[in-house]
Amino acid sequence: MSALTRRMLLVLAGAAASPGFAQTPQRRARIGYLTGGDPASRTALLAELRRGMRELGYQEGETFDLEIVGAKGRFEDLPALARRLADSRPDVILASTTPGALAAKAATPTIPIVFVAVGDPVGVGLVGNLARPEANVTGLSNATVELPAKRLQFLKDLLPSLRRAAILVNPNDENAELQIARTREGAGQLGIEIDPVAAIRGEADLEPAFRRAVDAGAQAAVRLIDPLSTVLRAETTRLAAHHRLPVIYGFREDVLAGGLIAYGPNQGALYHRAAYFIARILQGARPGELAAERPSRFDLVINLATARALGVAVPESILALADEVVE
């Protein structure tokens, strides 16, 4: 090595050691998570979000912090929770459930919002269209309002003699009316009568809703999706077993909690994909330029132990189609 080269290396080494040359530490991004449901029921889903962030080079506690806020099914609390979160000025808000996403949008017109697990983002006014959302909102739909007829078909395949089914629904959810209408449409095509439509606005309504369904002669029920359905998941599956009423649910997690059968988007995949949107925004992309997406993966899951307890014989056709069978 020449004397000139050695002198240049010494100069560069001294400069790098000086305060003026040192790199400025990267500021940790702040991500706020707002849900209309219970954050405790979303531990596994948030783990998928964190995994997605790690795969994109973001490590919680090093390059980003996550603040978690949830209404636990009390929709009336969402506006205040959303404003408080927006006032803390996070870099991105991840808003779960339709009520949570709508509250986030109402709280801020500027902070980027990524929604996840929203039934009909166009129909409820979150975005103008999926391809070009515009404004400060984009994210992932869970296609809730598109699936009731498909769920009824699976219920009919499971119970060929099904003639009457109840709907268990939270009427306070923005997607409730559309979900009910789509369920009725599907029922009409399958020759199934819908009776009753039982309202569940809180835990106190669960037992009366099941009694009403059984007293009306319902042979099965469809649990429509809203944030309260996850908050009350364990009690709902317990009462379904107690009243010996076969119920079809929206998510795999319902079956893992003891529910009979579920068909719907893989929520873990949605949360994992949400990391892509967050990372793009942290890198400078505008939410309105990121096309919102529909689910890419739907799961049919059945619990054979619950089926046996209810006296339901699961056809081979269902088992062949199932993505997961819980013994």
Protein backbone atom coordinates (compact mmCIF):
# COMPACT_ATOMS: atom_id res chain seq x y z
CA MET A 1 0.00 0.00 0.00
CA SER A 2 1.45 3.38 -0.98
CA ALA A 3 2.04 6.19 1.51
CA LEU A 4 -0.61 8.28 -0.29
CA THR A 5 -3.21 5.50 0.04
CA ARG A 6 -2.41 5.09 3.74
CA ARG A 7 -2.80 8.85 4.32
CA MET A 8 -6.19 8.85 2.52
CA LEU A 9 -7.44 5.94 4.65
CA LEU A 10 -6.36 7.70 7.85
CA VAL A 11 -8.15 10.90 6.80
CA LEU A 12 -11.35 8.99 5.98
CA ALA A 13 -11.21 7.06 9.25
CA GLY A 14 -10.79 10.27 11.23
CA ALA A 15 -13.64 11.92 9.37
CA ALA A 16 -15.98 8.98 9.98
CA ALA A 17 -15.19 9.15 13.69
CA SER A 18 -15.97 12.86 13.90
CA PRO A 19 -19.51 13.96 14.94
CA GLY A 20 -20.06 15.86 11.70
CA PHE A 21 -19.60 12.74 9.56
CA ALA A 22 -21.56 10.27 11.67
CA GLN A 23 -24.81 8.94 10.23
CA THR A 24 -28.03 10.20 11.81
CA PRO A 25 -29.88 7.29 13.47
CA GLN A 26 -33.05 6.34 11.62
CA ARG A 27 -36.17 7.57 13.39
CA ARG A 28 -38.45 4.73 14.45
CA ALA A 29 -41.73 4.77 12.58
CA ARG A 30 -44.92 4.84 14.65
CA ILE A 31 -47.80 2.62 13.58
CA GLY A 32 -51.15 2.95 15.31
CA TYR A 33 -53.50 -0.05 15.28
CA LEU A 34 -57.21 0.64 15.78
CA THR A 35 -59.86 -2.07 15.89
CA GLY A 36 -63.54 -2.16 16.67
CA GLY A 37 -62.96 -5.59 18.21
CA ASP A 38 -60.87 -6.87 21.08
CA PRO A 39 -57.08 -6.61 20.58
CA ALA A 40 -56.65 -9.72 22.74
CA SER A 41 -58.46 -11.79 20.10
CA ARG A 42 -56.07 -10.52 17.44
CA THR A 43 -52.75 -11.56 18.99
CA ALA A 44 -52.10 -14.20 16.32
CA LEU A 45 -53.14 -11.79 13.55
CA LEU A 46 -50.82 -9.06 14.79
CA ALA A 47 -48.06 -11.66 14.92
CA GLU A 48 -48.63 -12.12 11.18
CA LEU A 49 -48.38 -8.36 10.69
CA ARG A 50 -45.08 -8.31 12.59
CA ARG A 51 -43.80 -11.25 10.54
CA GLY A 52 -44.67 -9.41 7.34
CA MET A 53 -42.88 -6.30 8.57
CA ARG A 54 -39.77 -8.31 9.46
CA GLU A 55 -39.71 -9.84 5.99
CA LEU A 56 -39.69 -6.31 4.58
CA GLY A 57 -36.84 -5.18 6.82
CA TYR A 58 -38.77 -3.64 9.71
CA GLN A 59 -38.21 -4.85 13.27
CA GLU A 60 -40.53 -3.78 16.08
CA GLY A 61 -38.64 -1.90 18.77
CA GLU A 62 -35.84 -1.05 16.34
CA THR A 63 -37.35 0.48 13.20
CA PHE A 64 -41.00 0.81 14.25
CA ASP A 65 -43.27 0.92 17.28
CA LEU A 66 -46.82 -0.41 17.34
CA GLU A 67 -49.53 1.22 19.47
CA ILE A 68 -52.64 -0.97 19.87
CA VAL A 69 -56.08 0.47 20.59
CA GLY A 70 -59.38 -1.46 20.58
CA ALA A 71 -63.05 -0.75 21.29
CA LYS A 72 -63.87 -4.36 22.27
CA GLY A 73 -67.14 -4.22 20.33
CA ARG A 74 -68.27 -0.91 21.86
CA PHE A 75 -68.63 1.03 18.62
CA GLU A 76 -69.64 4.19 20.47
CA ASP A 77 -66.09 4.42 21.87
CA LEU A 78 -64.44 4.37 18.44
CA PRO A 79 -64.65 8.09 17.51
CA ALA A 80 -62.84 9.16 20.69
CA LEU A 81 -60.28 6.36 20.39
CA ALA A 82 -59.61 7.27 16.76
CA ARG A 83 -59.20 10.98 17.54
CA ARG A 84 -56.82 10.21 20.39
CA LEU A 85 -54.77 7.98 18.14
CA ALA A 86 -54.71 10.57 15.34
CA ASP A 87 -53.71 13.32 17.80
CA SER A 88 -50.60 11.30 18.68
CA ARG A 89 -49.54 11.70 15.00
CA PRO A 90 -48.49 8.18 14.00
CA ASP A 91 -46.89 7.69 10.61
CA VAL A 92 -49.56 5.17 9.60
CA ILE A 93 -52.84 3.96 11.11
CA LEU A 94 -53.76 0.32 10.55
CA ALA A 95 -57.53 0.18 11.02
CA SER A 96 -59.26 -3.18 11.47
CA THR A 97 -62.99 -3.85 10.96
CA THR A 98 -65.42 -1.58 9.15
CA PRO A 99 -66.36 0.53 12.20
CA GLY A 100 -62.69 0.96 13.09
CA ALA A 101 -61.72 2.02 9.58
CA LEU A 102 -64.60 4.49 9.30
CA ALA A 103 -63.69 6.02 12.66
CA ALA A 104 -60.05 6.38 11.58
CA LYS A 105 -61.06 8.07 8.33
CA ALA A 106 -63.33 10.50 10.19
CA ALA A 107 -60.54 11.33 12.63
CA THR A 108 -57.93 12.41 10.08
CA PRO A 109 -57.85 13.47 6.43
CA THR A 110 -54.05 13.46 6.29
CA ILE A 111 -52.49 10.56 8.22
CA PRO A 112 -52.19 7.50 5.93
CA ILE A 113 -54.70 4.78 6.80
CA VAL A 114 -54.42 1.11 5.84
CA PHE A 115 -57.64 -0.79 6.49
CA VAL A 116 -57.81 -4.54 6.97
CA ALA A 117 -60.79 -6.90 7.36
CA VAL A 118 -63.37 -4.47 5.97
CA GLY A 119 -66.40 -6.05 4.32
CA ASP A 120 -67.29 -3.55 1.59
CA PRO A 121 -64.87 -0.60 1.50
CA VAL A 122 -66.55 0.97 -1.53
CA GLY A 123 -70.10 0.44 -0.29
CA VAL A 124 -69.45 2.04 3.11
CA GLY A 125 -67.58 4.97 1.59
CA LEU A 126 -64.03 4.25 2.71
CA VAL A 127 -62.72 4.44 -0.87
CA GLY A 128 -64.17 5.54 -4.20
CA ASN A 129 -62.97 2.39 -5.93
CA LEU A 130 -60.50 -0.38 -5.21
CA ALA A 131 -58.17 0.28 -8.16
CA ARG A 132 -57.49 3.90 -7.21
CA PRO A 133 -58.69 4.63 -3.67
CA GLU A 134 -57.61 8.31 -3.65
CA ALA A 135 -57.36 10.42 -0.47
CA ASN A 136 -55.43 8.95 2.50
CA VAL A 137 -57.00 5.47 2.68
CA THR A 138 -56.24 2.07 1.14
CA GLY A 139 -56.01 -1.52 2.31
CA LEU A 140 -57.57 -4.96 2.23
CA SER A 141 -61.19 -6.07 2.09
CA ASN A 142 -62.31 -9.34 3.65
CA ALA A 143 -65.17 -9.69 1.14
CA THR A 144 -67.65 -10.21 3.97
CA VAL A 145 -70.70 -9.09 2.01
CA GLU A 146 -69.85 -11.36 -0.93
CA LEU A 147 -69.82 -14.65 0.98
CA PRO A 148 -73.17 -15.28 2.74
CA ALA A 149 -74.63 -17.27 -0.17
CA LYS A 150 -71.51 -19.44 -0.34
CA ARG A 151 -71.69 -20.09 3.40
CA LEU A 152 -75.33 -21.11 3.09
CA GLN A 153 -74.41 -23.54 0.32
CA PHE A 154 -71.84 -25.20 2.57
CA LEU A 155 -74.41 -25.34 5.36
CA LYS A 156 -76.89 -26.99 2.99
CA ASP A 157 -74.24 -29.48 1.86
CA LEU A 158 -73.58 -30.31 5.50
CA LEU A 159 -77.29 -30.54 6.38
CA PRO A 160 -79.17 -31.69 3.24
CA SER A 161 -82.55 -31.51 4.99
CA LEU A 162 -82.04 -27.86 5.95
CA ARG A 163 -85.22 -25.85 5.36
CA ARG A 164 -85.04 -23.06 7.93
CA ALA A 165 -82.01 -21.13 9.15
CA ALA A 166 -81.60 -18.26 11.57
CA ILE A 167 -79.36 -15.25 11.14
CA LEU A 168 -77.33 -14.07 14.14
CA VAL A 169 -76.30 -10.47 13.48
CA ASN A 170 -75.20 -7.26 15.13
CA PRO A 171 -77.54 -4.67 13.54
CA ASN A 172 -75.23 -1.84 14.64
CA ASP A 173 -72.56 -2.89 12.15
CA GLU A 174 -72.45 -0.90 8.90
CA ASN A 175 -72.41 -4.10 6.83
CA ALA A 176 -75.32 -5.77 8.64
CA GLU A 177 -78.14 -4.87 6.24
CA LEU A 178 -76.19 -5.83 3.15
CA GLN A 179 -75.07 -9.12 4.71
CA ILE A 180 -78.67 -9.93 5.66
CA ALA A 181 -79.88 -9.10 2.13
CA ARG A 182 -77.20 -11.29 0.52
CA THR A 183 -78.00 -14.13 2.92
CA ARG A 184 -81.69 -13.93 2.04
CA GLU A 185 -80.84 -13.98 -1.67
CA GLY A 186 -78.75 -17.10 -1.27
CA ALA A 187 -81.40 -18.72 0.90
CA GLY A 188 -84.04 -18.14 -1.76
CA GLN A 189 -81.92 -19.87 -4.36
CA LEU A 190 -81.43 -22.88 -2.07
CA GLY A 191 -85.02 -23.16 -0.89
CA ILE A 192 -84.13 -22.17 2.67
CA GLU A 193 -86.40 -19.96 4.78
CA ILE A 194 -84.65 -17.35 6.90
CA ASP A 195 -86.33 -17.09 10.30
CA PRO A 196 -85.57 -15.49 12.65
CA VAL A 197 -83.11 -12.62 12.24
CA ALA A 198 -81.83 -12.42 15.81
CA ALA A 199 -80.02 -9.27 16.95
CA ILE A 200 -76.84 -9.44 19.02
CA ARG A 201 -75.75 -5.99 20.21
CA GLY A 202 -73.91 -7.26 23.26
CA GLU A 203 -73.23 -10.34 25.35
CA ALA A 204 -76.62 -10.09 27.08
CA ASP A 205 -78.31 -10.68 23.70
CA LEU A 206 -76.56 -13.98 22.96
CA GLU A 207 -78.70 -16.38 24.99
CA PRO A 208 -82.01 -14.77 23.90
CA ALA A 209 -80.85 -14.89 20.26
CA PHE A 210 -80.17 -18.64 20.44
CA ARG A 211 -83.45 -19.28 22.27
CA ARG A 212 -85.33 -17.32 19.65
CA ALA A 213 -83.70 -19.31 16.84
CA VAL A 214 -84.49 -22.65 18.47
CA ASP A 215 -88.06 -21.65 19.39
CA ALA A 216 -88.68 -20.60 15.76
CA GLY A 217 -87.68 -24.05 14.56
CA ALA A 218 -84.40 -23.05 12.93
CA GLN A 219 -82.35 -26.11 12.06
CA ALA A 220 -79.11 -24.11 11.78
CA ALA A 221 -77.81 -20.55 11.89
CA VAL A 222 -75.44 -18.20 10.08
CA ARG A 223 -73.33 -15.93 12.27
CA LEU A 224 -72.76 -12.78 10.24
CA ILE A 225 -69.47 -10.97 10.68
CA ASP A 226 -68.84 -7.86 12.77
CA PRO A 227 -66.26 -6.94 15.42
CA LEU A 228 -68.53 -8.19 18.20
CA SER A 229 -68.52 -11.68 16.70
CA THR A 230 -64.86 -12.06 17.61
CA VAL A 231 -65.29 -10.49 21.06
CA LEU A 232 -68.09 -13.00 21.82
CA ARG A 233 -66.54 -15.93 19.95
CA ALA A 234 -66.05 -18.28 22.90
CA GLU A 235 -69.50 -17.67 24.37
CA THR A 236 -71.16 -17.99 20.96
CA THR A 237 -69.64 -21.40 20.26
CA ARG A 238 -70.50 -22.52 23.80
CA LEU A 239 -74.16 -21.57 23.38
CA ALA A 240 -74.31 -23.18 19.93
CA ALA A 241 -73.19 -26.44 21.53
CA HIS A 242 -75.57 -26.01 24.47
CA HIS A 243 -78.58 -25.45 22.20
CA ARG A 244 -77.34 -28.10 19.73
CA LEU A 245 -77.67 -25.62 16.89
CA PRO A 246 -75.27 -26.03 13.94
CA VAL A 247 -73.79 -22.62 13.10
CA ILE A 248 -71.58 -21.55 10.22
CA TYR A 249 -69.09 -18.80 10.95
CA GLY A 250 -66.85 -16.49 8.99
CA PHE A 251 -63.38 -17.37 10.17
CA ARG A 252 -61.08 -20.29 10.90
CA GLU A 253 -60.59 -18.96 14.43
CA ASP A 254 -64.28 -19.60 15.18
CA VAL A 255 -63.84 -23.29 14.42
CA LEU A 256 -60.65 -23.49 16.48
CA ALA A 257 -62.73 -22.09 19.36
CA GLY A 258 -65.21 -24.97 19.02
CA GLY A 259 -67.47 -23.80 16.21
CA LEU A 260 -68.79 -26.34 13.72
CA ILE A 261 -67.82 -24.93 10.33
CA ALA A 262 -66.47 -21.71 8.84
CA TYR A 263 -65.83 -20.30 5.41
CA GLY A 264 -64.07 -17.04 4.79
CA PRO A 265 -60.85 -15.22 4.08
CA ASN A 266 -57.69 -16.24 5.85
CA GLN A 267 -57.28 -13.37 8.28
CA GLY A 268 -53.65 -14.11 8.98
CA ALA A 269 -52.89 -13.70 5.28
CA LEU A 270 -54.68 -10.33 5.26
CA TYR A 271 -52.65 -9.01 8.20
CA HIS A 272 -49.45 -10.34 6.67
CA ARG A 273 -50.25 -8.53 3.42
CA ALA A 274 -51.07 -5.33 5.34
CA ALA A 275 -47.34 -5.06 6.08
CA TYR A 276 -46.74 -4.45 2.36
CA PHE A 277 -49.03 -1.41 2.37
CA ILE A 278 -47.48 -0.02 5.54
CA ALA A 279 -43.93 -0.47 4.24
CA ARG A 280 -44.76 1.21 0.93
CA ILE A 281 -46.24 4.18 2.76
CA LEU A 282 -43.24 4.45 5.11
CA GLN A 283 -41.08 4.50 1.98
CA GLY A 284 -43.00 7.47 0.61
CA ALA A 285 -45.93 6.05 -1.36
CA ARG A 286 -49.28 7.79 -1.11
CA PRO A 287 -52.19 5.59 0.04
CA GLY A 288 -54.45 6.80 -2.75
CA GLU A 289 -52.01 5.46 -5.33
CA LEU A 290 -51.93 1.94 -3.83
CA ALA A 291 -54.78 -0.19 -5.16
CA ALA A 292 -56.91 -1.74 -2.44
CA GLU A 293 -57.10 -5.52 -2.57
CA ARG A 294 -59.55 -8.36 -2.07
CA PRO A 295 -58.57 -11.55 -0.23
CA SER A 296 -56.44 -13.99 -2.17
CA ARG A 297 -57.12 -16.97 0.09
CA PHE A 298 -60.38 -18.38 1.45
CA ASP A 299 -60.53 -21.24 3.95
CA LEU A 300 -63.17 -23.89 4.56
CA VAL A 301 -62.61 -25.31 8.05
CA ILE A 302 -64.66 -27.90 9.91
CA ASN A 303 -64.51 -29.27 13.46
CA LEU A 304 -65.23 -33.01 13.48
CA ALA A 305 -65.42 -33.18 17.27
CA THR A 306 -68.16 -30.54 17.26
CA ALA A 307 -69.93 -32.31 14.40
CA ARG A 308 -69.98 -35.56 16.37
CA ALA A 309 -71.28 -33.77 19.47
CA LEU A 310 -74.11 -32.25 17.41
CA GLY A 311 -74.88 -35.53 15.67
CA VAL A 312 -73.96 -34.09 12.27
CA ALA A 313 -72.58 -36.55 9.73
CA VAL A 314 -69.99 -34.70 7.65
CA PRO A 315 -70.21 -35.72 3.97
CA GLU A 316 -67.06 -36.82 2.19
CA SER A 317 -67.63 -33.97 -0.28
CA ILE A 318 -67.14 -31.42 2.53
CA LEU A 319 -64.07 -33.20 3.85
CA ALA A 320 -62.56 -33.27 0.37
CA LEU A 321 -63.07 -29.51 -0.04
CA ALA A 322 -61.94 -28.55 3.47
CA ASP A 323 -58.70 -26.63 3.82
CA GLU A 324 -58.44 -27.73 7.44
CA VAL A 325 -60.17 -30.41 9.52
CA VAL A 326 -60.04 -30.02 13.31
CA GLU A 327 -60.30 -33.37 15.13
